[in-house]
Amino acid sequence: MHVQIPFQTIHSSPIDLVILNLLKVSYMILARVSPVTHSVGNCVKRVVVIVTSVLFFRTPVSPINSLGLHLFLLLLLTKSIILFCSPLMNLKH
């Protein structure tokens, strides 16, 4: 048995509208920043989603997954510090 579903009912849910809005924002941000910055932002977004799901849904996390998240955050912090301090070092010379 094949049920015909109208196209408008599929794409009129609030979740679809939120996803579409997030995609528009993502493309607007990509037009204003470098691709590397956009990629780092997407990685940070993934970490936020994972940490939120672990805290909210009490998802079990293996030690290796926890190590990976902590390593990523440490490397991101290191990169941010280096990028922030590099213009300051150029001013001193």
C-alpha atoms as a PDB file:
ATOM      1  CA  MET A   1       0.000   0.000   0.000  1.00  0.00           C
ATOM      2  CA  HIS A   2       1.434   3.349  -1.068  1.00  0.00           C
ATOM      3  CA  VAL A   3       0.309   6.485   0.779  1.00  0.00           C
ATOM      4  CA  GLN A   4       0.544   9.809  -1.005  1.00  0.00           C
ATOM      5  CA  ILE A   5       1.771  12.603   1.313  1.00  0.00           C
ATOM      6  CA  PRO A   6       1.457  16.212   0.173  1.00  0.00           C
ATOM      7  CA  PHE A   7       4.793  17.960  -0.322  1.00  0.00           C
ATOM      8  CA  GLN A   8       3.785  20.965   1.800  1.00  0.00           C
ATOM      9  CA  THR A   9       3.088  18.899   4.911  1.00  0.00           C
ATOM     10  CA  ILE A  10       6.568  17.392   4.869  1.00  0.00           C
ATOM     11  CA  HIS A  11       8.398  20.702   4.647  1.00  0.00           C
ATOM     12  CA  SER A  12       6.219  22.819   6.885  1.00  0.00           C
ATOM     13  CA  SER A  13       7.265  21.360  10.220  1.00  0.00           C
ATOM     14  CA  PRO A  14       9.031  23.687  12.672  1.00  0.00           C
ATOM     15  CA  ILE A  15      12.100  21.432  12.742  1.00  0.00           C
ATOM     16  CA  ASP A  16      12.542  21.842   8.977  1.00  0.00           C
ATOM     17  CA  LEU A  17      12.296  25.607   9.343  1.00  0.00           C
ATOM     18  CA  VAL A  18      14.948  25.641  12.073  1.00  0.00           C
ATOM     19  CA  ILE A  19      17.291  23.486   9.982  1.00  0.00           C
ATOM     20  CA  LEU A  20      16.759  25.691   6.935  1.00  0.00           C
ATOM     21  CA  ASN A  21      17.448  28.803   9.018  1.00  0.00           C
ATOM     22  CA  LEU A  22      20.663  27.285  10.405  1.00  0.00           C
ATOM     23  CA  LEU A  23      21.809  26.445   6.881  1.00  0.00           C
ATOM     24  CA  LYS A  24      21.176  30.035   5.785  1.00  0.00           C
ATOM     25  CA  VAL A  25      23.153  31.354   8.747  1.00  0.00           C
ATOM     26  CA  SER A  26      25.967  28.928   7.986  1.00  0.00           C
ATOM     27  CA  TYR A  27      26.239  30.196   4.404  1.00  0.00           C
ATOM     28  CA  MET A  28      26.069  33.826   5.547  1.00  0.00           C
ATOM     29  CA  ILE A  29      28.932  33.206   7.970  1.00  0.00           C
ATOM     30  CA  LEU A  30      30.943  31.375   5.291  1.00  0.00           C
ATOM     31  CA  ALA A  31      30.638  34.431   3.035  1.00  0.00           C
ATOM     32  CA  ARG A  32      32.167  36.649   5.738  1.00  0.00           C
ATOM     33  CA  VAL A  33      34.963  34.520   7.218  1.00  0.00           C
ATOM     34  CA  SER A  34      37.700  32.297   5.866  1.00  0.00           C
ATOM     35  CA  PRO A  35      36.940  28.625   5.190  1.00  0.00           C
ATOM     36  CA  VAL A  36      39.351  27.598   7.965  1.00  0.00           C
ATOM     37  CA  THR A  37      37.495  29.728  10.519  1.00  0.00           C
ATOM     38  CA  HIS A  38      34.201  28.274   9.340  1.00  0.00           C
ATOM     39  CA  SER A  39      35.584  24.743   9.653  1.00  0.00           C
ATOM     40  CA  VAL A  40      36.836  25.390  13.187  1.00  0.00           C
ATOM     41  CA  GLY A  41      33.429  26.827  14.068  1.00  0.00           C
ATOM     42  CA  ASN A  42      31.745  23.669  12.798  1.00  0.00           C
ATOM     43  CA  CYS A  43      34.109  21.540  14.889  1.00  0.00           C
ATOM     44  CA  VAL A  44      33.295  23.590  17.968  1.00  0.00           C
ATOM     45  CA  LYS A  45      29.592  23.194  17.182  1.00  0.00           C
ATOM     46  CA  ARG A  46      30.042  19.412  17.087  1.00  0.00           C
ATOM     47  CA  VAL A  47      31.778  19.443  20.465  1.00  0.00           C
ATOM     48  CA  VAL A  48      28.966  21.551  21.941  1.00  0.00           C
ATOM     49  CA  VAL A  49      26.354  19.139  20.564  1.00  0.00           C
ATOM     50  CA  ILE A  50      28.244  16.117  21.940  1.00  0.00           C
ATOM     51  CA  VAL A  51      28.781  17.656  25.389  1.00  0.00           C
ATOM     52  CA  THR A  52      25.153  18.810  25.529  1.00  0.00           C
ATOM     53  CA  SER A  53      23.885  15.355  24.596  1.00  0.00           C
ATOM     54  CA  VAL A  54      26.153  13.737  27.186  1.00  0.00           C
ATOM     55  CA  LEU A  55      24.915  16.071  29.916  1.00  0.00           C
ATOM     56  CA  PHE A  56      21.248  16.230  28.907  1.00  0.00           C
ATOM     57  CA  PHE A  57      20.622  12.635  27.824  1.00  0.00           C
ATOM     58  CA  ARG A  58      23.242  11.102  30.139  1.00  0.00           C
ATOM     59  CA  THR A  59      24.897   9.333  27.228  1.00  0.00           C
ATOM     60  CA  PRO A  60      27.732   7.070  28.387  1.00  0.00           C
ATOM     61  CA  VAL A  61      31.152   8.174  27.120  1.00  0.00           C
ATOM     62  CA  SER A  62      34.154   5.905  26.837  1.00  0.00           C
ATOM     63  CA  PRO A  63      37.520   7.125  28.142  1.00  0.00           C
ATOM     64  CA  ILE A  64      38.952   7.324  24.610  1.00  0.00           C
ATOM     65  CA  ASN A  65      36.048   9.555  23.488  1.00  0.00           C
ATOM     66  CA  SER A  66      36.558  11.796  26.494  1.00  0.00           C
ATOM     67  CA  LEU A  67      40.285  11.982  25.745  1.00  0.00           C
ATOM     68  CA  GLY A  68      39.542  12.972  22.150  1.00  0.00           C
ATOM     69  CA  LEU A  69      37.194  15.778  23.213  1.00  0.00           C
ATOM     70  CA  HIS A  70      39.687  17.125  25.728  1.00  0.00           C
ATOM     71  CA  LEU A  71      42.523  16.934  23.206  1.00  0.00           C
ATOM     72  CA  PHE A  72      40.478  18.839  20.636  1.00  0.00           C
ATOM     73  CA  LEU A  73      39.607  21.578  23.126  1.00  0.00           C
ATOM     74  CA  LEU A  74      43.253  21.862  24.175  1.00  0.00           C
ATOM     75  CA  LEU A  75      44.436  22.170  20.568  1.00  0.00           C
ATOM     76  CA  LEU A  76      41.727  24.722  19.795  1.00  0.00           C
ATOM     77  CA  LEU A  77      42.735  26.788  22.817  1.00  0.00           C
ATOM     78  CA  THR A  78      46.406  26.585  21.787  1.00  0.00           C
ATOM     79  CA  LYS A  79      45.591  27.698  18.237  1.00  0.00           C
ATOM     80  CA  SER A  80      43.510  30.611  19.523  1.00  0.00           C
ATOM     81  CA  ILE A  81      46.296  31.758  21.853  1.00  0.00           C
ATOM     82  CA  ILE A  82      48.877  31.566  19.058  1.00  0.00           C
ATOM     83  CA  LEU A  83      46.668  33.503  16.644  1.00  0.00           C
ATOM     84  CA  PHE A  84      45.873  36.110  19.291  1.00  0.00           C
ATOM     85  CA  CYS A  85      49.503  36.584  20.325  1.00  0.00           C
ATOM     86  CA  SER A  86      51.071  36.586  16.852  1.00  0.00           C
ATOM     87  CA  PRO A  87      49.998  40.168  15.954  1.00  0.00           C
ATOM     88  CA  LEU A  88      51.221  41.337  19.356  1.00  0.00           C
ATOM     89  CA  MET A  89      54.640  39.798  18.714  1.00  0.00           C
ATOM     90  CA  ASN A  90      54.869  41.522  15.339  1.00  0.00           C
ATOM     91  CA  LEU A  91      54.225  44.893  16.975  1.00  0.00           C
ATOM     92  CA  LYS A  92      57.174  44.478  19.364  1.00  0.00           C
ATOM     93  CA  HIS A  93      59.755  44.160  16.567  1.00  0.00           C
END
